[in-house]
Amino acid sequence: MGQGQWRPLSRHRLTPREREVLALLAEGRSDSAVARALSIMEAAVGKHVAGVFVKLEPPVTQDDNRRVPAVLA
């Protein structure tokens, strides 16, 4: 997909854990808070967030946080 385009309807492709992480991020929690809530390492949170980015392909810009479009997907 070209830059500026992303797949907001691809949420079904996320693993259950990626959906859990994304839901907690949508609540405004930090990576460390997500890790504590799910009893996983903070590095694992980063891995799940990276998986979300790969699957949803949120646009990359200098001005926007990529997590916001991913949460809105």
C-alpha atoms as a PDB file:
ATOM      1  CA  MET A   1       0.000   0.000   0.000  1.00  0.00           C
ATOM      2  CA  GLY A   2       1.196   3.523  -0.676  1.00  0.00           C
ATOM      3  CA  GLN A   3       2.236   5.986   1.969  1.00  0.00           C
ATOM      4  CA  GLY A   4      -0.756   7.636   3.574  1.00  0.00           C
ATOM      5  CA  GLN A   5      -2.958   4.591   3.003  1.00  0.00           C
ATOM      6  CA  TRP A   6      -3.564   1.972   5.628  1.00  0.00           C
ATOM      7  CA  ARG A   7      -5.840  -0.921   6.402  1.00  0.00           C
ATOM      8  CA  PRO A   8      -8.255   0.109   9.150  1.00  0.00           C
ATOM      9  CA  LEU A   9     -10.450  -2.930   8.512  1.00  0.00           C
ATOM     10  CA  SER A  10      -7.666  -5.456   9.105  1.00  0.00           C
ATOM     11  CA  ARG A  11      -8.254  -5.676  12.853  1.00  0.00           C
ATOM     12  CA  HIS A  12      -9.492  -9.239  12.399  1.00  0.00           C
ATOM     13  CA  ARG A  13      -5.944 -10.188  11.392  1.00  0.00           C
ATOM     14  CA  LEU A  14      -4.616  -9.240  14.826  1.00  0.00           C
ATOM     15  CA  THR A  15      -3.865 -11.953  17.333  1.00  0.00           C
ATOM     16  CA  PRO A  16      -5.885 -11.984  20.541  1.00  0.00           C
ATOM     17  CA  ARG A  17      -2.864 -10.620  22.438  1.00  0.00           C
ATOM     18  CA  GLU A  18      -2.336  -7.825  19.903  1.00  0.00           C
ATOM     19  CA  ARG A  19      -5.987  -6.865  20.366  1.00  0.00           C
ATOM     20  CA  GLU A  20      -5.531  -6.851  24.157  1.00  0.00           C
ATOM     21  CA  VAL A  21      -2.452  -4.640  23.886  1.00  0.00           C
ATOM     22  CA  LEU A  22      -4.197  -2.309  21.441  1.00  0.00           C
ATOM     23  CA  ALA A  23      -7.238  -2.011  23.715  1.00  0.00           C
ATOM     24  CA  LEU A  24      -5.061  -1.038  26.675  1.00  0.00           C
ATOM     25  CA  LEU A  25      -3.168   1.484  24.566  1.00  0.00           C
ATOM     26  CA  ALA A  26      -6.518   2.924  23.507  1.00  0.00           C
ATOM     27  CA  GLU A  27      -7.190   3.550  27.197  1.00  0.00           C
ATOM     28  CA  GLY A  28      -4.066   5.713  27.237  1.00  0.00           C
ATOM     29  CA  ARG A  29      -1.827   3.274  29.092  1.00  0.00           C
ATOM     30  CA  SER A  30       1.930   3.332  28.682  1.00  0.00           C
ATOM     31  CA  ASP A  31       3.896   0.305  27.504  1.00  0.00           C
ATOM     32  CA  SER A  32       4.955  -0.402  31.086  1.00  0.00           C
ATOM     33  CA  ALA A  33       1.342  -0.173  32.313  1.00  0.00           C
ATOM     34  CA  VAL A  34       0.215  -2.532  29.540  1.00  0.00           C
ATOM     35  CA  ALA A  35       2.984  -4.960  30.506  1.00  0.00           C
ATOM     36  CA  ARG A  36       1.896  -4.912  34.152  1.00  0.00           C
ATOM     37  CA  ALA A  37      -1.779  -5.371  33.251  1.00  0.00           C
ATOM     38  CA  LEU A  38      -1.038  -8.392  31.059  1.00  0.00           C
ATOM     39  CA  SER A  39       1.786  -9.812  33.212  1.00  0.00           C
ATOM     40  CA  ILE A  40       4.241  -9.687  30.319  1.00  0.00           C
ATOM     41  CA  MET A  41       7.582  -7.983  29.784  1.00  0.00           C
ATOM     42  CA  GLU A  42       7.622  -4.466  28.386  1.00  0.00           C
ATOM     43  CA  ALA A  43       9.682  -5.757  25.457  1.00  0.00           C
ATOM     44  CA  ALA A  44       6.797  -8.112  24.625  1.00  0.00           C
ATOM     45  CA  VAL A  45       4.445  -5.131  24.498  1.00  0.00           C
ATOM     46  CA  GLY A  46       6.757  -3.545  21.943  1.00  0.00           C
ATOM     47  CA  LYS A  47       6.734  -6.750  19.915  1.00  0.00           C
ATOM     48  CA  HIS A  48       2.934  -6.840  19.885  1.00  0.00           C
ATOM     49  CA  VAL A  49       2.728  -3.149  18.942  1.00  0.00           C
ATOM     50  CA  ALA A  50       5.158  -3.804  16.094  1.00  0.00           C
ATOM     51  CA  GLY A  51       2.911  -6.644  14.922  1.00  0.00           C
ATOM     52  CA  VAL A  52      -0.070  -4.294  14.935  1.00  0.00           C
ATOM     53  CA  PHE A  53       1.859  -1.773  12.838  1.00  0.00           C
ATOM     54  CA  VAL A  54       2.844  -4.419  10.306  1.00  0.00           C
ATOM     55  CA  LYS A  55      -0.705  -5.678   9.955  1.00  0.00           C
ATOM     56  CA  LEU A  56      -2.581  -2.365   9.983  1.00  0.00           C
ATOM     57  CA  GLU A  57       0.084  -0.315   8.198  1.00  0.00           C
ATOM     58  CA  PRO A  58      -0.725   3.035   9.838  1.00  0.00           C
ATOM     59  CA  PRO A  59       0.757   5.970   7.947  1.00  0.00           C
ATOM     60  CA  VAL A  60       4.203   7.129   9.003  1.00  0.00           C
ATOM     61  CA  THR A  61       4.590  10.876   9.351  1.00  0.00           C
ATOM     62  CA  GLN A  62       6.874  13.091  11.379  1.00  0.00           C
ATOM     63  CA  ASP A  63       3.935  14.860  12.985  1.00  0.00           C
ATOM     64  CA  ASP A  64       1.687  11.982  14.004  1.00  0.00           C
ATOM     65  CA  ASN A  65       2.007   9.194  16.508  1.00  0.00           C
ATOM     66  CA  ARG A  66       1.435   5.915  14.631  1.00  0.00           C
ATOM     67  CA  ARG A  67      -0.326   4.422  17.636  1.00  0.00           C
ATOM     68  CA  VAL A  68      -3.305   6.754  17.302  1.00  0.00           C
ATOM     69  CA  PRO A  69      -4.413   5.553  13.835  1.00  0.00           C
ATOM     70  CA  ALA A  70      -3.784   1.962  14.919  1.00  0.00           C
ATOM     71  CA  VAL A  71      -6.066   2.404  17.944  1.00  0.00           C
ATOM     72  CA  LEU A  72      -8.727   4.020  15.762  1.00  0.00           C
ATOM     73  CA  ALA A  73      -8.650   1.155  13.251  1.00  0.00           C
END
